[in-house]
mmCIF file of all heavy atoms, coordinates in Angstrom:
data_MODEL
# 
_entry.id   MODEL 
# 
loop_
_atom_site.group_PDB 
_atom_site.id 
_atom_site.type_symbol 
_atom_site.label_atom_id 
_atom_site.label_alt_id 
_atom_site.label_comp_id 
_atom_site.label_asym_id 
_atom_site.label_entity_id 
_atom_site.label_seq_id 
_atom_site.pdbx_PDB_ins_code 
_atom_site.Cartn_x 
_atom_site.Cartn_y 
_atom_site.Cartn_z 
_atom_site.occupancy 
_atom_site.B_iso_or_equiv 
_atom_site.pdbx_formal_charge 
_atom_site.auth_seq_id 
_atom_site.auth_comp_id 
_atom_site.auth_asym_id 
_atom_site.auth_atom_id 
_atom_site.pdbx_PDB_model_num 
ATOM 1   N N   . GLU A 1 1  ? -1.305 16.273  -18.102 1.00 0.00 ? 1  GLU A N   1 
ATOM 2   C CA  . GLU A 1 1  ? 0.029  16.859  -18.142 1.00 0.00 ? 1  GLU A CA  1 
ATOM 3   C C   . GLU A 1 1  ? 0.861  16.559  -16.900 1.00 0.00 ? 1  GLU A C   1 
ATOM 4   O O   . GLU A 1 1  ? 2.039  16.911  -16.832 1.00 0.00 ? 1  GLU A O   1 
ATOM 5   C CB  . GLU A 1 1  ? -0.085 18.383  -18.316 1.00 0.00 ? 1  GLU A CB  1 
ATOM 6   C CG  . GLU A 1 1  ? -0.601 19.143  -17.092 1.00 0.00 ? 1  GLU A CG  1 
ATOM 7   C CD  . GLU A 1 1  ? -2.103 18.997  -16.887 1.00 0.00 ? 1  GLU A CD  1 
ATOM 8   O OE1 . GLU A 1 1  ? -2.764 18.405  -17.762 1.00 0.00 ? 1  GLU A OE1 1 
ATOM 9   O OE2 . GLU A 1 1  ? -2.594 19.475  -15.855 1.00 0.00 ? 1  GLU A OE2 1 
ATOM 10  N N   . VAL A 1 2  ? 0.282  15.907  -15.872 1.00 0.00 ? 2  VAL A N   1 
ATOM 11  C CA  . VAL A 1 2  ? 1.012  15.688  -14.627 1.00 0.00 ? 2  VAL A CA  1 
ATOM 12  C C   . VAL A 1 2  ? 2.011  14.548  -14.795 1.00 0.00 ? 2  VAL A C   1 
ATOM 13  O O   . VAL A 1 2  ? 1.870  13.688  -15.672 1.00 0.00 ? 2  VAL A O   1 
ATOM 14  C CB  . VAL A 1 2  ? 0.051  15.369  -13.461 1.00 0.00 ? 2  VAL A CB  1 
ATOM 15  C CG1 . VAL A 1 2  ? -0.966 16.478  -13.292 1.00 0.00 ? 2  VAL A CG1 1 
ATOM 16  C CG2 . VAL A 1 2  ? -0.632 14.032  -13.670 1.00 0.00 ? 2  VAL A CG2 1 
ATOM 17  N N   . GLU A 1 3  ? 3.022  14.533  -13.935 1.00 0.00 ? 3  GLU A N   1 
ATOM 18  C CA  . GLU A 1 3  ? 4.057  13.512  -13.984 1.00 0.00 ? 3  GLU A CA  1 
ATOM 19  C C   . GLU A 1 3  ? 3.528  12.187  -13.430 1.00 0.00 ? 3  GLU A C   1 
ATOM 20  O O   . GLU A 1 3  ? 2.921  12.147  -12.363 1.00 0.00 ? 3  GLU A O   1 
ATOM 21  C CB  . GLU A 1 3  ? 5.263  13.968  -13.166 1.00 0.00 ? 3  GLU A CB  1 
ATOM 22  C CG  . GLU A 1 3  ? 6.421  12.991  -13.189 1.00 0.00 ? 3  GLU A CG  1 
ATOM 23  C CD  . GLU A 1 3  ? 7.583  13.470  -12.339 1.00 0.00 ? 3  GLU A CD  1 
ATOM 24  O OE1 . GLU A 1 3  ? 7.533  14.630  -11.874 1.00 0.00 ? 3  GLU A OE1 1 
ATOM 25  O OE2 . GLU A 1 3  ? 8.531  12.679  -12.148 1.00 0.00 ? 3  GLU A OE2 1 
ATOM 26  N N   . ILE A 1 4  ? 3.729  11.124  -14.182 1.00 0.00 ? 4  ILE A N   1 
ATOM 27  C CA  . ILE A 1 4  ? 3.268  9.801   -13.775 1.00 0.00 ? 4  ILE A CA  1 
ATOM 28  C C   . ILE A 1 4  ? 4.278  9.182   -12.801 1.00 0.00 ? 4  ILE A C   1 
ATOM 29  O O   . ILE A 1 4  ? 5.485  9.231   -13.024 1.00 0.00 ? 4  ILE A O   1 
ATOM 30  C CB  . ILE A 1 4  ? 3.094  8.883   -15.004 1.00 0.00 ? 4  ILE A CB  1 
ATOM 31  C CG1 . ILE A 1 4  ? 2.041  9.472   -15.960 1.00 0.00 ? 4  ILE A CG1 1 
ATOM 32  C CG2 . ILE A 1 4  ? 2.704  7.480   -14.573 1.00 0.00 ? 4  ILE A CG2 1 
ATOM 33  C CD1 . ILE A 1 4  ? 0.688  9.642   -15.333 1.00 0.00 ? 4  ILE A CD1 1 
ATOM 34  N N   . ASP A 1 5  ? 3.773  8.605   -11.727 1.00 0.00 ? 5  ASP A N   1 
ATOM 35  C CA  . ASP A 1 5  ? 4.636  7.993   -10.712 1.00 0.00 ? 5  ASP A CA  1 
ATOM 36  C C   . ASP A 1 5  ? 4.031  6.654   -10.293 1.00 0.00 ? 5  ASP A C   1 
ATOM 37  O O   . ASP A 1 5  ? 3.395  6.527   -9.255  1.00 0.00 ? 5  ASP A O   1 
ATOM 38  C CB  . ASP A 1 5  ? 4.772  8.933   -9.507  1.00 0.00 ? 5  ASP A CB  1 
ATOM 39  C CG  . ASP A 1 5  ? 5.790  8.428   -8.485  1.00 0.00 ? 5  ASP A CG  1 
ATOM 40  O OD1 . ASP A 1 5  ? 6.398  7.374   -8.737  1.00 0.00 ? 5  ASP A OD1 1 
ATOM 41  O OD2 . ASP A 1 5  ? 5.954  9.079   -7.444  1.00 0.00 ? 5  ASP A OD2 1 
ATOM 42  N N   . LEU A 1 6  ? 4.251  5.652   -11.127 1.00 0.00 ? 6  LEU A N   1 
ATOM 43  C CA  . LEU A 1 6  ? 3.698  4.324   -10.850 1.00 0.00 ? 6  LEU A CA  1 
ATOM 44  C C   . LEU A 1 6  ? 4.272  3.716   -9.574  1.00 0.00 ? 6  LEU A C   1 
ATOM 45  O O   . LEU A 1 6  ? 3.604  2.918   -8.902  1.00 0.00 ? 6  LEU A O   1 
ATOM 46  C CB  . LEU A 1 6  ? 3.962  3.389   -12.033 1.00 0.00 ? 6  LEU A CB  1 
ATOM 47  C CG  . LEU A 1 6  ? 2.992  3.499   -13.214 1.00 0.00 ? 6  LEU A CG  1 
ATOM 48  C CD1 . LEU A 1 6  ? 3.513  2.734   -14.411 1.00 0.00 ? 6  LEU A CD1 1 
ATOM 49  C CD2 . LEU A 1 6  ? 1.616  3.001   -12.809 1.00 0.00 ? 6  LEU A CD2 1 
ATOM 50  N N   . ALA A 1 7  ? 5.485  4.113   -9.217  1.00 0.00 ? 7  ALA A N   1 
ATOM 51  C CA  . ALA A 1 7  ? 6.079  3.592   -7.987  1.00 0.00 ? 7  ALA A CA  1 
ATOM 52  C C   . ALA A 1 7  ? 5.265  4.016   -6.771  1.00 0.00 ? 7  ALA A C   1 
ATOM 53  O O   . ALA A 1 7  ? 5.123  3.253   -5.810  1.00 0.00 ? 7  ALA A O   1 
ATOM 54  C CB  . ALA A 1 7  ? 7.526  4.086   -7.860  1.00 0.00 ? 7  ALA A CB  1 
ATOM 55  N N   . LYS A 1 8  ? 4.713  5.224   -6.794  1.00 0.00 ? 8  LYS A N   1 
ATOM 56  C CA  . LYS A 1 8  ? 3.893  5.689   -5.671  1.00 0.00 ? 8  LYS A CA  1 
ATOM 57  C C   . LYS A 1 8  ? 2.606  4.867   -5.577  1.00 0.00 ? 8  LYS A C   1 
ATOM 58  O O   . LYS A 1 8  ? 2.186  4.493   -4.472  1.00 0.00 ? 8  LYS A O   1 
ATOM 59  C CB  . LYS A 1 8  ? 3.573  7.186   -5.869  1.00 0.00 ? 8  LYS A CB  1 
ATOM 60  C CG  . LYS A 1 8  ? 2.720  7.813   -4.780  1.00 0.00 ? 8  LYS A CG  1 
ATOM 61  C CD  . LYS A 1 8  ? 3.368  7.730   -3.428  1.00 0.00 ? 8  LYS A CD  1 
ATOM 62  C CE  . LYS A 1 8  ? 4.596  8.596   -3.337  1.00 0.00 ? 8  LYS A CE  1 
ATOM 63  N NZ  . LYS A 1 8  ? 4.322  10.037  -3.429  1.00 0.00 ? 8  LYS A NZ  1 
ATOM 64  N N   . ALA A 1 9  ? 1.991  4.588   -6.704  1.00 0.00 ? 9  ALA A N   1 
ATOM 65  C CA  . ALA A 1 9  ? 0.770  3.778   -6.698  1.00 0.00 ? 9  ALA A CA  1 
ATOM 66  C C   . ALA A 1 9  ? 1.052  2.383   -6.141  1.00 0.00 ? 9  ALA A C   1 
ATOM 67  O O   . ALA A 1 9  ? 0.280  1.852   -5.329  1.00 0.00 ? 9  ALA A O   1 
ATOM 68  C CB  . ALA A 1 9  ? 0.199  3.686   -8.113  1.00 0.00 ? 9  ALA A CB  1 
ATOM 69  N N   . ARG A 1 10 ? 2.158  1.787   -6.574  1.00 0.00 ? 10 ARG A N   1 
ATOM 70  C CA  . ARG A 1 10 ? 2.509  0.447   -6.073  1.00 0.00 ? 10 ARG A CA  1 
ATOM 71  C C   . ARG A 1 10 ? 2.824  0.490   -4.581  1.00 0.00 ? 10 ARG A C   1 
ATOM 72  O O   . ARG A 1 10 ? 2.542  -0.466  -3.849  1.00 0.00 ? 10 ARG A O   1 
ATOM 73  C CB  . ARG A 1 10 ? 3.688  -0.092  -6.858  1.00 0.00 ? 10 ARG A CB  1 
ATOM 74  C CG  . ARG A 1 10 ? 3.393  -0.321  -8.349  1.00 0.00 ? 10 ARG A CG  1 
ATOM 75  C CD  . ARG A 1 10 ? 4.522  -1.077  -9.025  1.00 0.00 ? 10 ARG A CD  1 
ATOM 76  N NE  . ARG A 1 10 ? 4.289  -1.192  -10.465 1.00 0.00 ? 10 ARG A NE  1 
ATOM 77  C CZ  . ARG A 1 10 ? 4.910  -0.453  -11.388 1.00 0.00 ? 10 ARG A CZ  1 
ATOM 78  N NH1 . ARG A 1 10 ? 5.805  0.448   -11.010 1.00 0.00 ? 10 ARG A NH1 1 
ATOM 79  N NH2 . ARG A 1 10 ? 4.643  -0.619  -12.662 1.00 0.00 ? 10 ARG A NH2 1 
ATOM 80  N N   . LYS A 1 11 ? 3.417  1.580   -4.133  1.00 0.00 ? 11 LYS A N   1 
ATOM 81  C CA  . LYS A 1 11 ? 3.715  1.734   -2.707  1.00 0.00 ? 11 LYS A CA  1 
ATOM 82  C C   . LYS A 1 11 ? 2.427  1.741   -1.896  1.00 0.00 ? 11 LYS A C   1 
ATOM 83  O O   . LYS A 1 11 ? 2.337  1.110   -0.841  1.00 0.00 ? 11 LYS A O   1 
ATOM 84  C CB  . LYS A 1 11 ? 4.487  3.032   -2.502  1.00 0.00 ? 11 LYS A CB  1 
ATOM 85  C CG  . LYS A 1 11 ? 4.730  3.403   -1.048  1.00 0.00 ? 11 LYS A CG  1 
ATOM 86  C CD  . LYS A 1 11 ? 5.417  4.761   -0.956  1.00 0.00 ? 11 LYS A CD  1 
ATOM 87  C CE  . LYS A 1 11 ? 5.537  5.212   0.498   1.00 0.00 ? 11 LYS A CE  1 
ATOM 88  N NZ  . LYS A 1 11 ? 6.157  6.563   0.589   1.00 0.00 ? 11 LYS A NZ  1 
ATOM 89  N N   . TYR A 1 12 ? 1.418  2.449   -2.386  1.00 0.00 ? 12 TYR A N   1 
ATOM 90  C CA  . TYR A 1 12 ? 0.137  2.495   -1.681  1.00 0.00 ? 12 TYR A CA  1 
ATOM 91  C C   . TYR A 1 12 ? -0.507 1.112   -1.622  1.00 0.00 ? 12 TYR A C   1 
ATOM 92  O O   . TYR A 1 12 ? -1.062 0.702   -0.590  1.00 0.00 ? 12 TYR A O   1 
ATOM 93  C CB  . TYR A 1 12 ? -0.806 3.490   -2.358  1.00 0.00 ? 12 TYR A CB  1 
ATOM 94  C CG  . TYR A 1 12 ? -0.452 4.938   -2.142  1.00 0.00 ? 12 TYR A CG  1 
ATOM 95  C CD1 . TYR A 1 12 ? -1.048 5.936   -2.906  1.00 0.00 ? 12 TYR A CD1 1 
ATOM 96  C CD2 . TYR A 1 12 ? 0.473  5.329   -1.180  1.00 0.00 ? 12 TYR A CD2 1 
ATOM 97  C CE1 . TYR A 1 12 ? -0.735 7.279   -2.710  1.00 0.00 ? 12 TYR A CE1 1 
ATOM 98  C CE2 . TYR A 1 12 ? 0.783  6.662   -0.979  1.00 0.00 ? 12 TYR A CE2 1 
ATOM 99  C CZ  . TYR A 1 12 ? 0.183  7.632   -1.751  1.00 0.00 ? 12 TYR A CZ  1 
ATOM 100 O OH  . TYR A 1 12 ? 0.494  8.958   -1.544  1.00 0.00 ? 12 TYR A OH  1 
ATOM 101 N N   . VAL A 1 13 ? -0.443 0.380   -2.728  1.00 0.00 ? 13 VAL A N   1 
ATOM 102 C CA  . VAL A 1 13 ? -0.995 -0.982  -2.745  1.00 0.00 ? 13 VAL A CA  1 
ATOM 103 C C   . VAL A 1 13 ? -0.265 -1.858  -1.737  1.00 0.00 ? 13 VAL A C   1 
ATOM 104 O O   . VAL A 1 13 ? -0.886 -2.631  -0.987  1.00 0.00 ? 13 VAL A O   1 
ATOM 105 C CB  . VAL A 1 13 ? -0.910 -1.588  -4.156  1.00 0.00 ? 13 VAL A CB  1 
ATOM 106 C CG1 . VAL A 1 13 ? -1.319 -3.062  -4.130  1.00 0.00 ? 13 VAL A CG1 1 
ATOM 107 C CG2 . VAL A 1 13 ? -1.797 -0.825  -5.134  1.00 0.00 ? 13 VAL A CG2 1 
ATOM 108 N N   . ALA A 1 14 ? 1.057  -1.737  -1.705  1.00 0.00 ? 14 ALA A N   1 
ATOM 109 C CA  . ALA A 1 14 ? 1.850  -2.548  -0.777  1.00 0.00 ? 14 ALA A CA  1 
ATOM 110 C C   . ALA A 1 14 ? 1.496  -2.229  0.675   1.00 0.00 ? 14 ALA A C   1 
ATOM 111 O O   . ALA A 1 14 ? 1.365  -3.142  1.508   1.00 0.00 ? 14 ALA A O   1 
ATOM 112 C CB  . ALA A 1 14 ? 3.336  -2.302  -1.018  1.00 0.00 ? 14 ALA A CB  1 
ATOM 113 N N   . LEU A 1 15 ? 1.309  -0.947  1.000   1.00 0.00 ? 15 LEU A N   1 
ATOM 114 C CA  . LEU A 1 15 ? 0.926  -0.567  2.358   1.00 0.00 ? 15 LEU A CA  1 
ATOM 115 C C   . LEU A 1 15 ? -0.427 -1.183  2.731   1.00 0.00 ? 15 LEU A C   1 
ATOM 116 O O   . LEU A 1 15 ? -0.623 -1.664  3.850   1.00 0.00 ? 15 LEU A O   1 
ATOM 117 C CB  . LEU A 1 15 ? 0.854  0.960   2.468   1.00 0.00 ? 15 LEU A CB  1 
ATOM 118 C CG  . LEU A 1 15 ? 2.187  1.708   2.518   1.00 0.00 ? 15 LEU A CG  1 
ATOM 119 C CD1 . LEU A 1 15 ? 1.952  3.215   2.460   1.00 0.00 ? 15 LEU A CD1 1 
ATOM 120 C CD2 . LEU A 1 15 ? 2.970  1.332   3.768   1.00 0.00 ? 15 LEU A CD2 1 
ATOM 121 N N   . GLY A 1 16 ? -1.346 -1.165  1.779   1.00 0.00 ? 16 GLY A N   1 
ATOM 122 C CA  . GLY A 1 16 ? -2.652 -1.757  2.039   1.00 0.00 ? 16 GLY A CA  1 
ATOM 123 C C   . GLY A 1 16 ? -2.586 -3.258  2.254   1.00 0.00 ? 16 GLY A C   1 
ATOM 124 O O   . GLY A 1 16 ? -3.248 -3.798  3.142   1.00 0.00 ? 16 GLY A O   1 
ATOM 125 N N   . LEU A 1 17 ? -1.772 -3.942  1.456   1.00 0.00 ? 17 LEU A N   1 
ATOM 126 C CA  . LEU A 1 17 ? -1.637 -5.391  1.595   1.00 0.00 ? 17 LEU A CA  1 
ATOM 127 C C   . LEU A 1 17 ? -0.972 -5.765  2.921   1.00 0.00 ? 17 LEU A C   1 
ATOM 128 O O   . LEU A 1 17 ? -1.378 -6.727  3.583   1.00 0.00 ? 17 LEU A O   1 
ATOM 129 C CB  . LEU A 1 17 ? -0.819 -5.947  0.430   1.00 0.00 ? 17 LEU A CB  1 
ATOM 130 C CG  . LEU A 1 17 ? -1.493 -5.890  -0.948  1.00 0.00 ? 17 LEU A CG  1 
ATOM 131 C CD1 . LEU A 1 17 ? -0.528 -6.351  -2.029  1.00 0.00 ? 17 LEU A CD1 1 
ATOM 132 C CD2 . LEU A 1 17 ? -2.758 -6.735  -0.976  1.00 0.00 ? 17 LEU A CD2 1 
ATOM 133 N N   . ILE A 1 18 ? 0.036  -5.000  3.312   1.00 0.00 ? 18 ILE A N   1 
ATOM 134 C CA  . ILE A 1 18 ? 0.695  -5.253  4.598   1.00 0.00 ? 18 ILE A CA  1 
ATOM 135 C C   . ILE A 1 18 ? -0.309 -5.096  5.740   1.00 0.00 ? 18 ILE A C   1 
ATOM 136 O O   . ILE A 1 18 ? -0.345 -5.900  6.678   1.00 0.00 ? 18 ILE A O   1 
ATOM 137 C CB  . ILE A 1 18 ? 1.887  -4.296  4.786   1.00 0.00 ? 18 ILE A CB  1 
ATOM 138 C CG1 . ILE A 1 18 ? 3.011  -4.658  3.810   1.00 0.00 ? 18 ILE A CG1 1 
ATOM 139 C CG2 . ILE A 1 18 ? 2.402  -4.341  6.228   1.00 0.00 ? 18 ILE A CG2 1 
ATOM 140 C CD1 . ILE A 1 18 ? 4.139  -3.659  3.767   1.00 0.00 ? 18 ILE A CD1 1 
ATOM 141 N N   . SER A 1 19 ? -1.131 -4.062  5.645   1.00 0.00 ? 19 SER A N   1 
ATOM 142 C CA  . SER A 1 19 ? -2.122 -3.840  6.695   1.00 0.00 ? 19 SER A CA  1 
ATOM 143 C C   . SER A 1 19 ? -3.159 -4.953  6.726   1.00 0.00 ? 19 SER A C   1 
ATOM 144 O O   . SER A 1 19 ? -3.536 -5.435  7.796   1.00 0.00 ? 19 SER A O   1 
ATOM 145 C CB  . SER A 1 19 ? -2.816 -2.489  6.484   1.00 0.00 ? 19 SER A CB  1 
ATOM 146 O OG  . SER A 1 19 ? -3.759 -2.243  7.485   1.00 0.00 ? 19 SER A OG  1 
ATOM 147 N N   . TYR A 1 20 ? -3.611 -5.384  5.550   1.00 0.00 ? 20 TYR A N   1 
ATOM 148 C CA  . TYR A 1 20 ? -4.674 -6.390  5.464   1.00 0.00 ? 20 TYR A CA  1 
ATOM 149 C C   . TYR A 1 20 ? -4.205 -7.759  5.943   1.00 0.00 ? 20 TYR A C   1 
ATOM 150 O O   . TYR A 1 20 ? -4.903 -8.449  6.693   1.00 0.00 ? 20 TYR A O   1 
ATOM 151 C CB  . TYR A 1 20 ? -5.175 -6.477  4.024   1.00 0.00 ? 20 TYR A CB  1 
ATOM 152 C CG  . TYR A 1 20 ? -6.324 -7.439  3.819   1.00 0.00 ? 20 TYR A CG  1 
ATOM 153 C CD1 . TYR A 1 20 ? -7.610 -7.110  4.218   1.00 0.00 ? 20 TYR A CD1 1 
ATOM 154 C CD2 . TYR A 1 20 ? -6.118 -8.684  3.221   1.00 0.00 ? 20 TYR A CD2 1 
ATOM 155 C CE1 . TYR A 1 20 ? -8.675 -7.981  4.026   1.00 0.00 ? 20 TYR A CE1 1 
ATOM 156 C CE2 . TYR A 1 20 ? -7.162 -9.564  3.026   1.00 0.00 ? 20 TYR A CE2 1 
ATOM 157 C CZ  . TYR A 1 20 ? -8.437 -9.211  3.429   1.00 0.00 ? 20 TYR A CZ  1 
ATOM 158 O OH  . TYR A 1 20 ? -9.472 -10.083 3.255   1.00 0.00 ? 20 TYR A OH  1 
ATOM 159 N N   . PHE A 1 21 ? -3.010 -8.162  5.505   1.00 0.00 ? 21 PHE A N   1 
ATOM 160 C CA  . PHE A 1 21 ? -2.547 -9.517  5.795   1.00 0.00 ? 21 PHE A CA  1 
ATOM 161 C C   . PHE A 1 21 ? -1.739 -9.631  7.088   1.00 0.00 ? 21 PHE A C   1 
ATOM 162 O O   . PHE A 1 21 ? -1.662 -10.709 7.673   1.00 0.00 ? 21 PHE A O   1 
ATOM 163 C CB  . PHE A 1 21 ? -1.705 -10.046 4.632   1.00 0.00 ? 21 PHE A CB  1 
ATOM 164 C CG  . PHE A 1 21 ? -2.502 -10.416 3.418   1.00 0.00 ? 21 PHE A CG  1 
ATOM 165 C CD1 . PHE A 1 21 ? -2.514 -9.605  2.304   1.00 0.00 ? 21 PHE A CD1 1 
ATOM 166 C CD2 . PHE A 1 21 ? -3.264 -11.567 3.405   1.00 0.00 ? 21 PHE A CD2 1 
ATOM 167 C CE1 . PHE A 1 21 ? -3.253 -9.935  1.178   1.00 0.00 ? 21 PHE A CE1 1 
ATOM 168 C CE2 . PHE A 1 21 ? -4.012 -11.915 2.284   1.00 0.00 ? 21 PHE A CE2 1 
ATOM 169 C CZ  . PHE A 1 21 ? -4.011 -11.092 1.174   1.00 0.00 ? 21 PHE A CZ  1 
ATOM 170 N N   . ILE A 1 22 ? -1.123 -8.527  7.541   1.00 0.00 ? 22 ILE A N   1 
ATOM 171 C CA  . ILE A 1 22 ? -0.249 -8.598  8.710   1.00 0.00 ? 22 ILE A CA  1 
ATOM 172 C C   . ILE A 1 22 ? -0.786 -7.801  9.896   1.00 0.00 ? 22 ILE A C   1 
ATOM 173 O O   . ILE A 1 22 ? -0.928 -8.327  11.005  1.00 0.00 ? 22 ILE A O   1 
ATOM 174 C CB  . ILE A 1 22 ? 1.175  -8.115  8.348   1.00 0.00 ? 22 ILE A CB  1 
ATOM 175 C CG1 . ILE A 1 22 ? 1.767  -9.013  7.247   1.00 0.00 ? 22 ILE A CG1 1 
ATOM 176 C CG2 . ILE A 1 22 ? 2.076  -8.120  9.587   1.00 0.00 ? 22 ILE A CG2 1 
ATOM 177 C CD1 . ILE A 1 22 ? 3.122  -8.570  6.760   1.00 0.00 ? 22 ILE A CD1 1 
ATOM 178 N N   . LEU A 1 23 ? -1.098 -6.527  9.677   1.00 0.00 ? 23 LEU A N   1 
ATOM 179 C CA  . LEU A 1 23 ? -1.506 -5.681  10.800  1.00 0.00 ? 23 LEU A CA  1 
ATOM 180 C C   . LEU A 1 23 ? -2.917 -6.001  11.295  1.00 0.00 ? 23 LEU A C   1 
ATOM 181 O O   . LEU A 1 23 ? -3.156 -6.034  12.503  1.00 0.00 ? 23 LEU A O   1 
ATOM 182 C CB  . LEU A 1 23 ? -1.409 -4.209  10.401  1.00 0.00 ? 23 LEU A CB  1 
ATOM 183 C CG  . LEU A 1 23 ? -0.018 -3.699  10.035  1.00 0.00 ? 23 LEU A CG  1 
ATOM 184 C CD1 . LEU A 1 23 ? -0.064 -2.214  9.716   1.00 0.00 ? 23 LEU A CD1 1 
ATOM 185 C CD2 . LEU A 1 23 ? 0.961  -3.972  11.161  1.00 0.00 ? 23 LEU A CD2 1 
ATOM 186 N N   . ALA A 1 24 ? -3.856 -6.216  10.379  1.00 0.00 ? 24 ALA A N   1 
ATOM 187 C CA  . ALA A 1 24 ? -5.243 -6.468  10.795  1.00 0.00 ? 24 ALA A CA  1 
ATOM 188 C C   . ALA A 1 24 ? -5.373 -7.695  11.697  1.00 0.00 ? 24 ALA A C   1 
ATOM 189 O O   . ALA A 1 24 ? -6.055 -7.641  12.722  1.00 0.00 ? 24 ALA A O   1 
ATOM 190 C CB  . ALA A 1 24 ? -6.142 -6.595  9.563   1.00 0.00 ? 24 ALA A CB  1 
ATOM 191 N N   . PRO A 1 25 ? -4.739 -8.834  11.376  1.00 0.00 ? 25 PRO A N   1 
ATOM 192 C CA  . PRO A 1 25 ? -4.879 -10.004 12.255  1.00 0.00 ? 25 PRO A CA  1 
ATOM 193 C C   . PRO A 1 25 ? -4.028 -9.941  13.518  1.00 0.00 ? 25 PRO A C   1 
ATOM 194 O O   . PRO A 1 25 ? -4.152 -10.806 14.379  1.00 0.00 ? 25 PRO A O   1 
ATOM 195 C CB  . PRO A 1 25 ? -4.441 -11.168 11.367  1.00 0.00 ? 25 PRO A CB  1 
ATOM 196 C CG  . PRO A 1 25 ? -3.768 -10.606 10.195  1.00 0.00 ? 25 PRO A CG  1 
ATOM 197 C CD  . PRO A 1 25 ? -4.020 -9.155  10.142  1.00 0.00 ? 25 PRO A CD  1 
ATOM 198 N N   . THR A 1 26 ? -3.178 -8.934  13.643  1.00 0.00 ? 26 THR A N   1 
ATOM 199 C CA  . THR A 1 26 ? -2.324 -8.824  14.834  1.00 0.00 ? 26 THR A CA  1 
ATOM 200 C C   . THR A 1 26 ? -2.662 -7.564  15.624  1.00 0.00 ? 26 THR A C   1 
ATOM 201 O O   . THR A 1 26 ? -3.386 -7.615  16.609  1.00 0.00 ? 26 THR A O   1 
ATOM 202 C CB  . THR A 1 26 ? -0.841 -8.832  14.420  1.00 0.00 ? 26 THR A CB  1 
ATOM 203 O OG1 . THR A 1 26 ? -0.610 -7.788  13.452  1.00 0.00 ? 26 THR A OG1 1 
ATOM 204 C CG2 . THR A 1 26 ? -0.449 -10.168 13.825  1.00 0.00 ? 26 THR A CG2 1 
ATOM 205 N N   . VAL A 1 27 ? -2.156 -6.433  15.154  1.00 0.00 ? 27 VAL A N   1 
ATOM 206 C CA  . VAL A 1 27 ? -2.423 -5.156  15.836  1.00 0.00 ? 27 VAL A CA  1 
ATOM 207 C C   . VAL A 1 27 ? -3.916 -4.851  15.844  1.00 0.00 ? 27 VAL A C   1 
ATOM 208 O O   . VAL A 1 27 ? -4.454 -4.305  16.815  1.00 0.00 ? 27 VAL A O   1 
ATOM 209 C CB  . VAL A 1 27 ? -1.647 -4.008  15.148  1.00 0.00 ? 27 VAL A CB  1 
ATOM 210 C CG1 . VAL A 1 27 ? -1.973 -2.663  15.795  1.00 0.00 ? 27 VAL A CG1 1 
ATOM 211 C CG2 . VAL A 1 27 ? -0.153 -4.276  15.204  1.00 0.00 ? 27 VAL A CG2 1 
ATOM 212 N N   . GLY A 1 28 ? -4.603 -5.230  14.769  1.00 0.00 ? 28 GLY A N   1 
ATOM 213 C CA  . GLY A 1 28 ? -6.023 -4.934  14.655  1.00 0.00 ? 28 GLY A CA  1 
ATOM 214 C C   . GLY A 1 28 ? -6.889 -5.620  15.687  1.00 0.00 ? 28 GLY A C   1 
ATOM 215 O O   . GLY A 1 28 ? -8.048 -5.249  15.866  1.00 0.00 ? 28 GLY A O   1 
# 
């Protein structure tokens, strides 16, 4: 019965990809 928010799920994926491909090899 909860409200579906696919945009939030995609936002989380995008944050993870940014961290993996950009932050990990630099800031990491």
